[in-house]
Structures are given as C-alpha cells and as structure tokens.
Amino acid sequence: DPGTMTTFGLPALRATAWLCAALAAGSFLFSAFLIPPRRTGDDLN
C-alpha cells in the first residue's frame, strides 16, 4: 500500500484532470460554435 495520498489522491487528481479537460474542450466549442463572434464582414475571417 503506497498510502492514502496515492490511493485516494491519484484517482481524485485524475478525475479533476478529466473535468478540467472537459471544461477546456467544452469552452472552446462554446466560443467557436455555440455563440457568434463579432463580425466585420460577410464571413468569420
């Protein structure tokens, strides 16, 4: 047994990493495709 810091901490940190990764991907999806940006022309360039 490596101790509680590892047996509890490793899966807890891994879950935190997954949720942070989800927040990153979801926020980029949100800013890119769920709400419109400020356009100056006919397209998004």
ModelCIF file with pLDDT and N, C-alpha, C, O atoms, coordinates in Angstrom:
data_MODEL
#
_entry.id   MODEL 
#
_entity.id                         1 
_entity.type                       polymer 
_entity.pdbx_number_of_molecules   1 
#
_entity_poly.entity_id                      1 
_entity_poly.type                           'polypeptide(L)' 
_entity_poly.nstd_linkage                   no 
_entity_poly.nstd_monomer                   no 
_entity_poly.pdbx_seq_one_letter_code       DPGTMTTFGLPALRATAWLCAALAAGSFLFSAFLIPPRRTGDDLN 
_entity_poly.pdbx_seq_one_letter_code_can   DPGTMTTFGLPALRATAWLCAALAAGSFLFSAFLIPPRRTGDDLN 
_entity_poly.pdbx_strand_id                 A 
#
loop_
_entity_poly_seq.entity_id 
_entity_poly_seq.num 
_entity_poly_seq.mon_id 
_entity_poly_seq.hetero 
1 1  ASP n 
1 2  PRO n 
1 3  GLY n 
1 4  THR n 
1 5  MET n 
1 6  THR n 
1 7  THR n 
1 8  PHE n 
1 9  GLY n 
1 10 LEU n 
1 11 PRO n 
1 12 ALA n 
1 13 LEU n 
1 14 ARG n 
1 15 ALA n 
1 16 THR n 
1 17 ALA n 
1 18 TRP n 
1 19 LEU n 
1 20 CYS n 
1 21 ALA n 
1 22 ALA n 
1 23 LEU n 
1 24 ALA n 
1 25 ALA n 
1 26 GLY n 
1 27 SER n 
1 28 PHE n 
1 29 LEU n 
1 30 PHE n 
1 31 SER n 
1 32 ALA n 
1 33 PHE n 
1 34 LEU n 
1 35 ILE n 
1 36 PRO n 
1 37 PRO n 
1 38 ARG n 
1 39 ARG n 
1 40 THR n 
1 41 GLY n 
1 42 ASP n 
1 43 ASP n 
1 44 LEU n 
1 45 ASN n 
#
_struct_asym.id          A 
_struct_asym.entity_id   1 
#
loop_
_ma_qa_metric.id 
_ma_qa_metric.mode 
_ma_qa_metric.name 
_ma_qa_metric.software_group_id 
_ma_qa_metric.type 
1 global pLDDT . pLDDT 
2 local  pLDDT . pLDDT 
#
_ma_qa_metric_global.metric_id      1 
_ma_qa_metric_global.metric_value   91.22 
_ma_qa_metric_global.model_id       1 
_ma_qa_metric_global.ordinal_id     1 
#
loop_
_ma_qa_metric_local.label_asym_id 
_ma_qa_metric_local.label_comp_id 
_ma_qa_metric_local.label_seq_id 
_ma_qa_metric_local.metric_id 
_ma_qa_metric_local.metric_value 
_ma_qa_metric_local.model_id 
_ma_qa_metric_local.ordinal_id 
A ASP 1  2 79.00 1 1  
A PRO 2  2 83.00 1 2  
A GLY 3  2 84.00 1 3  
A THR 4  2 85.00 1 4  
A MET 5  2 88.00 1 5  
A THR 6  2 87.00 1 6  
A THR 7  2 88.00 1 7  
A PHE 8  2 91.00 1 8  
A GLY 9  2 91.00 1 9  
A LEU 10 2 91.00 1 10 
A PRO 11 2 91.00 1 11 
A ALA 12 2 94.00 1 12 
A LEU 13 2 94.00 1 13 
A ARG 14 2 93.00 1 14 
A ALA 15 2 94.00 1 15 
A THR 16 2 95.00 1 16 
A ALA 17 2 95.00 1 17 
A TRP 18 2 95.00 1 18 
A LEU 19 2 95.00 1 19 
A CYS 20 2 96.00 1 20 
A ALA 21 2 96.00 1 21 
A ALA 22 2 96.00 1 22 
A LEU 23 2 96.00 1 23 
A ALA 24 2 97.00 1 24 
A ALA 25 2 97.00 1 25 
A GLY 26 2 96.00 1 26 
A SER 27 2 96.00 1 27 
A PHE 28 2 97.00 1 28 
A LEU 29 2 97.00 1 29 
A PHE 30 2 96.00 1 30 
A SER 31 2 95.00 1 31 
A ALA 32 2 95.00 1 32 
A PHE 33 2 95.00 1 33 
A LEU 34 2 94.00 1 34 
A ILE 35 2 93.00 1 35 
A PRO 36 2 93.00 1 36 
A PRO 37 2 94.00 1 37 
A ARG 38 2 90.00 1 38 
A ARG 39 2 83.00 1 39 
A THR 40 2 78.00 1 40 
A GLY 41 2 76.00 1 41 
A ASP 42 2 79.00 1 42 
A ASP 43 2 85.00 1 43 
A LEU 44 2 91.00 1 44 
A ASN 45 2 91.00 1 45 
#
loop_
_atom_site.group_PDB 
_atom_site.id 
_atom_site.type_symbol 
_atom_site.label_atom_id 
_atom_site.label_alt_id 
_atom_site.label_comp_id 
_atom_site.label_asym_id 
_atom_site.label_entity_id 
_atom_site.label_seq_id 
_atom_site.pdbx_PDB_ins_code 
_atom_site.Cartn_x 
_atom_site.Cartn_y 
_atom_site.Cartn_z 
_atom_site.occupancy 
_atom_site.B_iso_or_equiv 
_atom_site.pdbx_formal_charge 
_atom_site.auth_seq_id 
_atom_site.auth_comp_id 
_atom_site.auth_asym_id 
_atom_site.auth_atom_id 
_atom_site.pdbx_PDB_model_num 
ATOM 1   N N  . ASP A 1 1  ? 0.846   -1.194 0.000   1.00 79.00 ? 1  ASP A N  1 
ATOM 2   C CA . ASP A 1 1  ? 0.000   0.000  0.000   1.00 79.00 ? 1  ASP A CA 1 
ATOM 3   C C  . ASP A 1 1  ? 0.882   1.245  0.000   1.00 79.00 ? 1  ASP A C  1 
ATOM 4   O O  . ASP A 1 1  ? 1.680   1.416  0.922   1.00 79.00 ? 1  ASP A O  1 
ATOM 5   N N  . PRO A 1 2  ? 0.769   2.127  -1.004  1.00 83.00 ? 2  PRO A N  1 
ATOM 6   C CA . PRO A 1 2  ? 1.610   3.335  -1.030  1.00 83.00 ? 2  PRO A CA 1 
ATOM 7   C C  . PRO A 1 2  ? 1.102   4.436  -0.114  1.00 83.00 ? 2  PRO A C  1 
ATOM 8   O O  . PRO A 1 2  ? 1.764   5.466  0.017   1.00 83.00 ? 2  PRO A O  1 
ATOM 9   N N  . GLY A 1 3  ? -0.025  4.260  0.511   1.00 84.00 ? 3  GLY A N  1 
ATOM 10  C CA . GLY A 1 3  ? -0.551  5.278  1.416   1.00 84.00 ? 3  GLY A CA 1 
ATOM 11  C C  . GLY A 1 3  ? -1.752  6.004  0.836   1.00 84.00 ? 3  GLY A C  1 
ATOM 12  O O  . GLY A 1 3  ? -2.019  5.954  -0.365  1.00 84.00 ? 3  GLY A O  1 
ATOM 13  N N  . THR A 1 4  ? -2.469  6.679  1.726   1.00 85.00 ? 4  THR A N  1 
ATOM 14  C CA . THR A 1 4  ? -3.712  7.350  1.334   1.00 85.00 ? 4  THR A CA 1 
ATOM 15  C C  . THR A 1 4  ? -3.476  8.445  0.303   1.00 85.00 ? 4  THR A C  1 
ATOM 16  O O  . THR A 1 4  ? -4.315  8.648  -0.575  1.00 85.00 ? 4  THR A O  1 
ATOM 17  N N  . MET A 1 5  ? -2.351  9.158  0.389   1.00 88.00 ? 5  MET A N  1 
ATOM 18  C CA . MET A 1 5  ? -2.090  10.245 -0.554  1.00 88.00 ? 5  MET A CA 1 
ATOM 19  C C  . MET A 1 5  ? -2.076  9.738  -1.991  1.00 88.00 ? 5  MET A C  1 
ATOM 20  O O  . MET A 1 5  ? -2.402  10.479 -2.918  1.00 88.00 ? 5  MET A O  1 
ATOM 21  N N  . THR A 1 6  ? -1.697  8.474  -2.172  1.00 87.00 ? 6  THR A N  1 
ATOM 22  C CA . THR A 1 6  ? -1.678  7.916  -3.518  1.00 87.00 ? 6  THR A CA 1 
ATOM 23  C C  . THR A 1 6  ? -2.978  7.194  -3.842  1.00 87.00 ? 6  THR A C  1 
ATOM 24  O O  . THR A 1 6  ? -3.559  7.418  -4.904  1.00 87.00 ? 6  THR A O  1 
ATOM 25  N N  . THR A 1 7  ? -3.440  6.335  -2.945  1.00 88.00 ? 7  THR A N  1 
ATOM 26  C CA . THR A 1 7  ? -4.643  5.549  -3.245  1.00 88.00 ? 7  THR A CA 1 
ATOM 27  C C  . THR A 1 7  ? -5.875  6.436  -3.405  1.00 88.00 ? 7  THR A C  1 
ATOM 28  O O  . THR A 1 7  ? -6.748  6.146  -4.223  1.00 88.00 ? 7  THR A O  1 
ATOM 29  N N  . PHE A 1 8  ? -5.951  7.525  -2.619  1.00 91.00 ? 8  PHE A N  1 
ATOM 30  C CA . PHE A 1 8  ? -7.059  8.462  -2.764  1.00 91.00 ? 8  PHE A CA 1 
ATOM 31  C C  . PHE A 1 8  ? -6.699  9.581  -3.737  1.00 91.00 ? 8  PHE A C  1 
ATOM 32  O O  . PHE A 1 8  ? -7.519  9.978  -4.566  1.00 91.00 ? 8  PHE A O  1 
ATOM 33  N N  . GLY A 1 9  ? -5.470  10.089 -3.635  1.00 91.00 ? 9  GLY A N  1 
ATOM 34  C CA . GLY A 1 9  ? -5.086  11.268 -4.403  1.00 91.00 ? 9  GLY A CA 1 
ATOM 35  C C  . GLY A 1 9  ? -4.968  11.028 -5.892  1.00 91.00 ? 9  GLY A C  1 
ATOM 36  O O  . GLY A 1 9  ? -5.336  11.893 -6.687  1.00 91.00 ? 9  GLY A O  1 
ATOM 37  N N  . LEU A 1 10 ? -4.458  9.862  -6.288  1.00 91.00 ? 10 LEU A N  1 
ATOM 38  C CA . LEU A 1 10 ? -4.264  9.626  -7.726  1.00 91.00 ? 10 LEU A CA 1 
ATOM 39  C C  . LEU A 1 10 ? -5.599  9.608  -8.475  1.00 91.00 ? 10 LEU A C  1 
ATOM 40  O O  . LEU A 1 10 ? -5.735  10.341 -9.454  1.00 91.00 ? 10 LEU A O  1 
ATOM 41  N N  . PRO A 1 11 ? -6.588  8.812  -8.066  1.00 91.00 ? 11 PRO A N  1 
ATOM 42  C CA . PRO A 1 11 ? -7.861  8.861  -8.801  1.00 91.00 ? 11 PRO A CA 1 
ATOM 43  C C  . PRO A 1 11 ? -8.567  10.202 -8.670  1.00 91.00 ? 11 PRO A C  1 
ATOM 44  O O  . PRO A 1 11 ? -9.244  10.641 -9.599  1.00 91.00 ? 11 PRO A O  1 
ATOM 45  N N  . ALA A 1 12 ? -8.412  10.862 -7.512  1.00 94.00 ? 12 ALA A N  1 
ATOM 46  C CA . ALA A 1 12 ? -9.042  12.172 -7.343  1.00 94.00 ? 12 ALA A CA 1 
ATOM 47  C C  . ALA A 1 12 ? -8.445  13.184 -8.307  1.00 94.00 ? 12 ALA A C  1 
ATOM 48  O O  . ALA A 1 12 ? -9.173  13.958 -8.929  1.00 94.00 ? 12 ALA A O  1 
ATOM 49  N N  . LEU A 1 13 ? -7.121  13.181 -8.433  1.00 94.00 ? 13 LEU A N  1 
ATOM 50  C CA . LEU A 1 13 ? -6.480  14.102 -9.370  1.00 94.00 ? 13 LEU A CA 1 
ATOM 51  C C  . LEU A 1 13 ? -6.792  13.733 -10.811 1.00 94.00 ? 13 LEU A C  1 
ATOM 52  O O  . LEU A 1 13 ? -6.963  14.614 -11.654 1.00 94.00 ? 13 LEU A O  1 
ATOM 53  N N  . ARG A 1 14 ? -6.866  12.448 -11.098 1.00 93.00 ? 14 ARG A N  1 
ATOM 54  C CA . ARG A 1 14 ? -7.200  12.033 -12.462 1.00 93.00 ? 14 ARG A CA 1 
ATOM 55  C C  . ARG A 1 14 ? -8.608  12.505 -12.832 1.00 93.00 ? 14 ARG A C  1 
ATOM 56  O O  . ARG A 1 14 ? -8.829  12.986 -13.943 1.00 93.00 ? 14 ARG A O  1 
ATOM 57  N N  . ALA A 1 15 ? -9.552  12.370 -11.909 1.00 94.00 ? 15 ALA A N  1 
ATOM 58  C CA . ALA A 1 15 ? -10.906 12.861 -12.168 1.00 94.00 ? 15 ALA A CA 1 
ATOM 59  C C  . ALA A 1 15 ? -10.910 14.374 -12.350 1.00 94.00 ? 15 ALA A C  1 
ATOM 60  O O  . ALA A 1 15 ? -11.619 14.898 -13.210 1.00 94.00 ? 15 ALA A O  1 
ATOM 61  N N  . THR A 1 16 ? -10.124 15.071 -11.547 1.00 95.00 ? 16 THR A N  1 
ATOM 62  C CA . THR A 1 16 ? -10.009 16.522 -11.697 1.00 95.00 ? 16 THR A CA 1 
ATOM 63  C C  . THR A 1 16 ? -9.446  16.883 -13.061 1.00 95.00 ? 16 THR A C  1 
ATOM 64  O O  . THR A 1 16 ? -9.904  17.832 -13.697 1.00 95.00 ? 16 THR A O  1 
ATOM 65  N N  . ALA A 1 17 ? -8.449  16.124 -13.512 1.00 95.00 ? 17 ALA A N  1 
ATOM 66  C CA . ALA A 1 17 ? -7.862  16.377 -14.827 1.00 95.00 ? 17 ALA A CA 1 
ATOM 67  C C  . ALA A 1 17 ? -8.891  16.176 -15.934 1.00 95.00 ? 17 ALA A C  1 
ATOM 68  O O  . ALA A 1 17 ? -8.968  16.972 -16.870 1.00 95.00 ? 17 ALA A O  1 
ATOM 69  N N  . TRP A 1 18 ? -9.685  15.104 -15.823 1.00 95.00 ? 18 TRP A N  1 
ATOM 70  C CA . TRP A 1 18 ? -10.716 14.866 -16.834 1.00 95.00 ? 18 TRP A CA 1 
ATOM 71  C C  . TRP A 1 18 ? -11.720 16.006 -16.868 1.00 95.00 ? 18 TRP A C  1 
ATOM 72  O O  . TRP A 1 18 ? -12.123 16.452 -17.942 1.00 95.00 ? 18 TRP A O  1 
ATOM 73  N N  . LEU A 1 19 ? -12.127 16.481 -15.690 1.00 95.00 ? 19 LEU A N  1 
ATOM 74  C CA . LEU A 1 19 ? -13.129 17.542 -15.664 1.00 95.00 ? 19 LEU A CA 1 
ATOM 75  C C  . LEU A 1 19 ? -12.555 18.859 -16.197 1.00 95.00 ? 19 LEU A C  1 
ATOM 76  O O  . LEU A 1 19 ? -13.243 19.605 -16.893 1.00 95.00 ? 19 LEU A O  1 
ATOM 77  N N  . CYS A 1 20 ? -11.299 19.136 -15.867 1.00 96.00 ? 20 CYS A N  1 
ATOM 78  C CA . CYS A 1 20 ? -10.660 20.344 -16.414 1.00 96.00 ? 20 CYS A CA 1 
ATOM 79  C C  . CYS A 1 20 ? -10.486 20.238 -17.925 1.00 96.00 ? 20 CYS A C  1 
ATOM 80  O O  . CYS A 1 20 ? -10.669 21.220 -18.645 1.00 96.00 ? 20 CYS A O  1 
ATOM 81  N N  . ALA A 1 21 ? -10.131 19.038 -18.406 1.00 96.00 ? 21 ALA A N  1 
ATOM 82  C CA . ALA A 1 21 ? -10.018 18.831 -19.850 1.00 96.00 ? 21 ALA A CA 1 
ATOM 83  C C  . ALA A 1 21 ? -11.371 19.017 -20.528 1.00 96.00 ? 21 ALA A C  1 
ATOM 84  O O  . ALA A 1 21 ? -11.454 19.575 -21.622 1.00 96.00 ? 21 ALA A O  1 
ATOM 85  N N  . ALA A 1 22 ? -12.437 18.543 -19.866 1.00 96.00 ? 22 ALA A N  1 
ATOM 86  C CA . ALA A 1 22 ? -13.777 18.735 -20.408 1.00 96.00 ? 22 ALA A CA 1 
ATOM 87  C C  . ALA A 1 22 ? -14.145 20.217 -20.444 1.00 96.00 ? 22 ALA A C  1 
ATOM 88  O O  . ALA A 1 22 ? -14.710 20.695 -21.427 1.00 96.00 ? 22 ALA A O  1 
ATOM 89  N N  . LEU A 1 23 ? -13.827 20.939 -19.379 1.00 96.00 ? 23 LEU A N  1 
ATOM 90  C CA . LEU A 1 23 ? -14.120 22.369 -19.340 1.00 96.00 ? 23 LEU A CA 1 
ATOM 91  C C  . LEU A 1 23 ? -13.374 23.098 -20.451 1.00 96.00 ? 23 LEU A C  1 
ATOM 92  O O  . LEU A 1 23 ? -13.926 24.008 -21.068 1.00 96.00 ? 23 LEU A O  1 
ATOM 93  N N  . ALA A 1 24 ? -12.124 22.712 -20.715 1.00 97.00 ? 24 ALA A N  1 
ATOM 94  C CA . ALA A 1 24 ? -11.353 23.344 -21.782 1.00 97.00 ? 24 ALA A CA 1 
ATOM 95  C C  . ALA A 1 24 ? -11.984 23.070 -23.140 1.00 97.00 ? 24 ALA A C  1 
ATOM 96  O O  . ALA A 1 24 ? -12.244 24.001 -23.902 1.00 97.00 ? 24 ALA A O  1 
ATOM 97  N N  . ALA A 1 25 ? -12.232 21.797 -23.449 1.00 97.00 ? 25 ALA A N  1 
ATOM 98  C CA . ALA A 1 25 ? -12.799 21.453 -24.758 1.00 97.00 ? 25 ALA A CA 1 
ATOM 99  C C  . ALA A 1 25 ? -14.194 22.053 -24.929 1.00 97.00 ? 25 ALA A C  1 
ATOM 100 O O  . ALA A 1 25 ? -14.520 22.588 -25.989 1.00 97.00 ? 25 ALA A O  1 
ATOM 101 N N  . GLY A 1 26 ? -15.017 21.961 -23.879 1.00 96.00 ? 26 GLY A N  1 
ATOM 102 C CA . GLY A 1 26 ? -16.368 22.498 -23.980 1.00 96.00 ? 26 GLY A CA 1 
ATOM 103 C C  . GLY A 1 26 ? -16.400 24.004 -24.116 1.00 96.00 ? 26 GLY A C  1 
ATOM 104 O O  . GLY A 1 26 ? -17.254 24.541 -24.821 1.00 96.00 ? 26 GLY A O  1 
ATOM 105 N N  . SER A 1 27 ? -15.490 24.693 -23.457 1.00 96.00 ? 27 SER A N  1 
ATOM 106 C CA . SER A 1 27 ? -15.449 26.151 -23.557 1.00 96.00 ? 27 SER A CA 1 
ATOM 107 C C  . SER A 1 27 ? -14.984 26.592 -24.941 1.00 96.00 ? 27 SER A C  1 
ATOM 108 O O  . SER A 1 27 ? -15.490 27.576 -25.480 1.00 96.00 ? 27 SER A O  1 
ATOM 109 N N  . PHE A 1 28 ? -14.024 25.869 -25.518 1.00 97.00 ? 28 PHE A N  1 
ATOM 110 C CA . PHE A 1 28 ? -13.615 26.182 -26.889 1.00 97.00 ? 28 PHE A CA 1 
ATOM 111 C C  . PHE A 1 28 ? -14.751 25.897 -27.870 1.00 97.00 ? 28 PHE A C  1 
ATOM 112 O O  . PHE A 1 28 ? -14.973 26.669 -28.803 1.00 97.00 ? 28 PHE A O  1 
ATOM 113 N N  . LEU A 1 29 ? -15.469 24.795 -27.666 1.00 97.00 ? 29 LEU A N  1 
ATOM 114 C CA . LEU A 1 29 ? -16.624 24.515 -28.512 1.00 97.00 ? 29 LEU A CA 1 
ATOM 115 C C  . LEU A 1 29 ? -17.661 25.622 -28.378 1.00 97.00 ? 29 LEU A C  1 
ATOM 116 O O  . LEU A 1 29 ? -18.272 26.037 -29.363 1.00 97.00 ? 29 LEU A O  1 
ATOM 117 N N  . PHE A 1 30 ? -17.851 26.092 -27.162 1.00 96.00 ? 30 PHE A N  1 
ATOM 118 C CA . PHE A 1 30 ? -18.822 27.160 -26.902 1.00 96.00 ? 30 PHE A CA 1 
ATOM 119 C C  . PHE A 1 30 ? -18.425 28.448 -27.624 1.00 96.00 ? 30 PHE A C  1 
ATOM 120 O O  . PHE A 1 30 ? -19.248 29.050 -28.315 1.00 96.00 ? 30 PHE A O  1 
ATOM 121 N N  . SER A 1 31 ? -17.171 28.873 -27.469 1.00 95.00 ? 31 SER A N  1 
ATOM 122 C CA . SER A 1 31 ? -16.740 30.136 -28.068 1.00 95.00 ? 31 SER A CA 1 
ATOM 123 C C  . SER A 1 31 ? -16.629 30.054 -29.585 1.00 95.00 ? 31 SER A C  1 
ATOM 124 O O  . SER A 1 31 ? -16.701 31.075 -30.269 1.00 95.00 ? 31 SER A O  1 
ATOM 125 N N  . ALA A 1 32 ? -16.453 28.826 -30.123 1.00 95.00 ? 32 ALA A N  1 
ATOM 126 C CA . ALA A 1 32 ? -16.296 28.681 -31.567 1.00 95.00 ? 32 ALA A CA 1 
ATOM 127 C C  . ALA A 1 32 ? -17.629 28.481 -32.277 1.00 95.00 ? 32 ALA A C  1 
ATOM 128 O O  . ALA A 1 32 ? -17.840 29.051 -33.348 1.00 95.00 ? 32 ALA A O  1 
ATOM 129 N N  . PHE A 1 33 ? -18.540 27.680 -31.705 1.00 95.00 ? 33 PHE A N  1 
ATOM 130 C CA . PHE A 1 33 ? -19.704 27.259 -32.470 1.00 95.00 ? 33 PHE A CA 1 
ATOM 131 C C  . PHE A 1 33 ? -21.056 27.464 -31.788 1.00 95.00 ? 33 PHE A C  1 
ATOM 132 O O  . PHE A 1 33 ? -22.088 27.346 -32.448 1.00 95.00 ? 33 PHE A O  1 
ATOM 133 N N  . LEU A 1 34 ? -21.082 27.765 -30.496 1.00 94.00 ? 34 LEU A N  1 
ATOM 134 C CA . LEU A 1 34 ? -22.375 27.917 -29.828 1.00 94.00 ? 34 LEU A CA 1 
ATOM 135 C C  . LEU A 1 34 ? -22.851 29.359 -29.755 1.00 94.00 ? 34 LEU A C  1 
ATOM 136 O O  . LEU A 1 34 ? -24.056 29.610 -29.744 1.00 94.00 ? 34 LEU A O  1 
ATOM 137 N N  . ILE A 1 35 ? -21.926 30.310 -29.703 1.00 93.00 ? 35 ILE A N  1 
ATOM 138 C CA . ILE A 1 35 ? -22.318 31.721 -29.737 1.00 93.00 ? 35 ILE A CA 1 
ATOM 139 C C  . ILE A 1 35 ? -21.547 32.413 -30.861 1.00 93.00 ? 35 ILE A C  1 
ATOM 140 O O  . ILE A 1 35 ? -20.415 32.027 -31.149 1.00 93.00 ? 35 ILE A O  1 
ATOM 141 N N  . PRO A 1 36 ? -22.131 33.420 -31.497 1.00 93.00 ? 36 PRO A N  1 
ATOM 142 C CA . PRO A 1 36 ? -21.454 34.081 -32.619 1.00 93.00 ? 36 PRO A CA 1 
ATOM 143 C C  . PRO A 1 36 ? -20.402 35.075 -32.131 1.00 93.00 ? 36 PRO A C  1 
ATOM 144 O O  . PRO A 1 36 ? -20.551 35.663 -31.059 1.00 93.00 ? 36 PRO A O  1 
ATOM 145 N N  . PRO A 1 37 ? -19.338 35.263 -32.916 1.00 94.00 ? 37 PRO A N  1 
ATOM 146 C CA . PRO A 1 37 ? -18.360 36.304 -32.590 1.00 94.00 ? 37 PRO A CA 1 
ATOM 147 C C  . PRO A 1 37 ? -18.814 37.647 -33.164 1.00 94.00 ? 37 PRO A C  1 
ATOM 148 O O  . PRO A 1 37 ? -19.904 37.759 -33.725 1.00 94.00 ? 37 PRO A O  1 
ATOM 149 N N  . ARG A 1 38 ? -17.969 38.652 -33.017 1.00 90.00 ? 38 ARG A N  1 
ATOM 150 C CA . ARG A 1 38 ? -18.252 39.966 -33.603 1.00 90.00 ? 38 ARG A CA 1 
ATOM 151 C C  . ARG A 1 38 ? -17.683 39.988 -35.013 1.00 90.00 ? 38 ARG A C  1 
ATOM 152 O O  . ARG A 1 38 ? -16.467 39.926 -35.199 1.00 90.00 ? 38 ARG A O  1 
ATOM 153 N N  . ARG A 1 39 ? -18.558 40.076 -36.001 1.00 83.00 ? 39 ARG A N  1 
ATOM 154 C CA . ARG A 1 39 ? -18.124 40.035 -37.399 1.00 83.00 ? 39 ARG A CA 1 
ATOM 155 C C  . ARG A 1 39 ? -17.958 41.444 -37.948 1.00 83.00 ? 39 ARG A C  1 
ATOM 156 O O  . ARG A 1 39 ? -18.625 42.390 -37.528 1.00 83.00 ? 39 ARG A O  1 
ATOM 157 N N  . THR A 1 40 ? -17.034 41.544 -38.909 1.00 78.00 ? 40 THR A N  1 
ATOM 158 C CA . THR A 1 40 ? -16.840 42.816 -39.613 1.00 78.00 ? 40 THR A CA 1 
ATOM 159 C C  . THR A 1 40 ? -17.131 42.674 -41.101 1.00 78.00 ? 40 THR A C  1 
ATOM 160 O O  . THR A 1 40 ? -17.107 43.667 -41.828 1.00 78.00 ? 40 THR A O  1 
ATOM 161 N N  . GLY A 1 41 ? -17.407 41.451 -41.570 1.00 76.00 ? 41 GLY A N  1 
ATOM 162 C CA . GLY A 1 41 ? -17.673 41.215 -42.986 1.00 76.00 ? 41 GLY A CA 1 
ATOM 163 C C  . GLY A 1 41 ? -18.706 40.132 -43.170 1.00 76.00 ? 41 GLY A C  1 
ATOM 164 O O  . GLY A 1 41 ? -19.492 39.839 -42.268 1.00 76.00 ? 41 GLY A O  1 
ATOM 165 N N  . ASP A 1 42 ? -18.696 39.528 -44.372 1.00 79.00 ? 42 ASP A N  1 
ATOM 166 C CA . ASP A 1 42 ? -19.683 38.505 -44.696 1.00 79.00 ? 42 ASP A CA 1 
ATOM 167 C C  . ASP A 1 42 ? -19.341 37.145 -44.098 1.00 79.00 ? 42 ASP A C  1 
ATOM 168 O O  . ASP A 1 42 ? -20.209 36.281 -43.979 1.00 79.00 ? 42 ASP A O  1 
ATOM 169 N N  . ASP A 1 43 ? -18.076 36.955 -43.721 1.00 85.00 ? 43 ASP A N  1 
ATOM 170 C CA . ASP A 1 43 ? -17.697 35.668 -43.153 1.00 85.00 ? 43 ASP A CA 1 
ATOM 171 C C  . ASP A 1 43 ? -17.011 35.887 -41.810 1.00 85.00 ? 43 ASP A C  1 
ATOM 172 O O  . ASP A 1 43 ? -17.059 36.980 -41.247 1.00 85.00 ? 43 ASP A O  1 
ATOM 173 N N  . LEU A 1 44 ? -16.370 34.833 -41.306 1.00 91.00 ? 44 LEU A N  1 
ATOM 174 C CA . LEU A 1 44 ? -15.787 34.874 -39.968 1.00 91.00 ? 44 LEU A CA 1 
ATOM 175 C C  . LEU A 1 44 ? -14.280 35.098 -39.981 1.00 91.00 ? 44 LEU A C  1 
ATOM 176 O O  . LEU A 1 44 ? -13.647 35.079 -38.925 1.00 91.00 ? 44 LEU A O  1 
ATOM 177 N N  . ASN A 1 45 ? -13.706 35.306 -41.139 1.00 91.00 ? 45 ASN A N  1 
ATOM 178 C CA . ASN A 1 45 ? -12.275 35.592 -41.205 1.00 91.00 ? 45 ASN A CA 1 
ATOM 179 C C  . ASN A 1 45 ? -12.024 36.996 -40.659 1.00 91.00 ? 45 ASN A C  1 
ATOM 180 O O  . ASN A 1 45 ? -10.879 37.448 -40.620 1.00 91.00 ? 45 ASN A O  1 
#
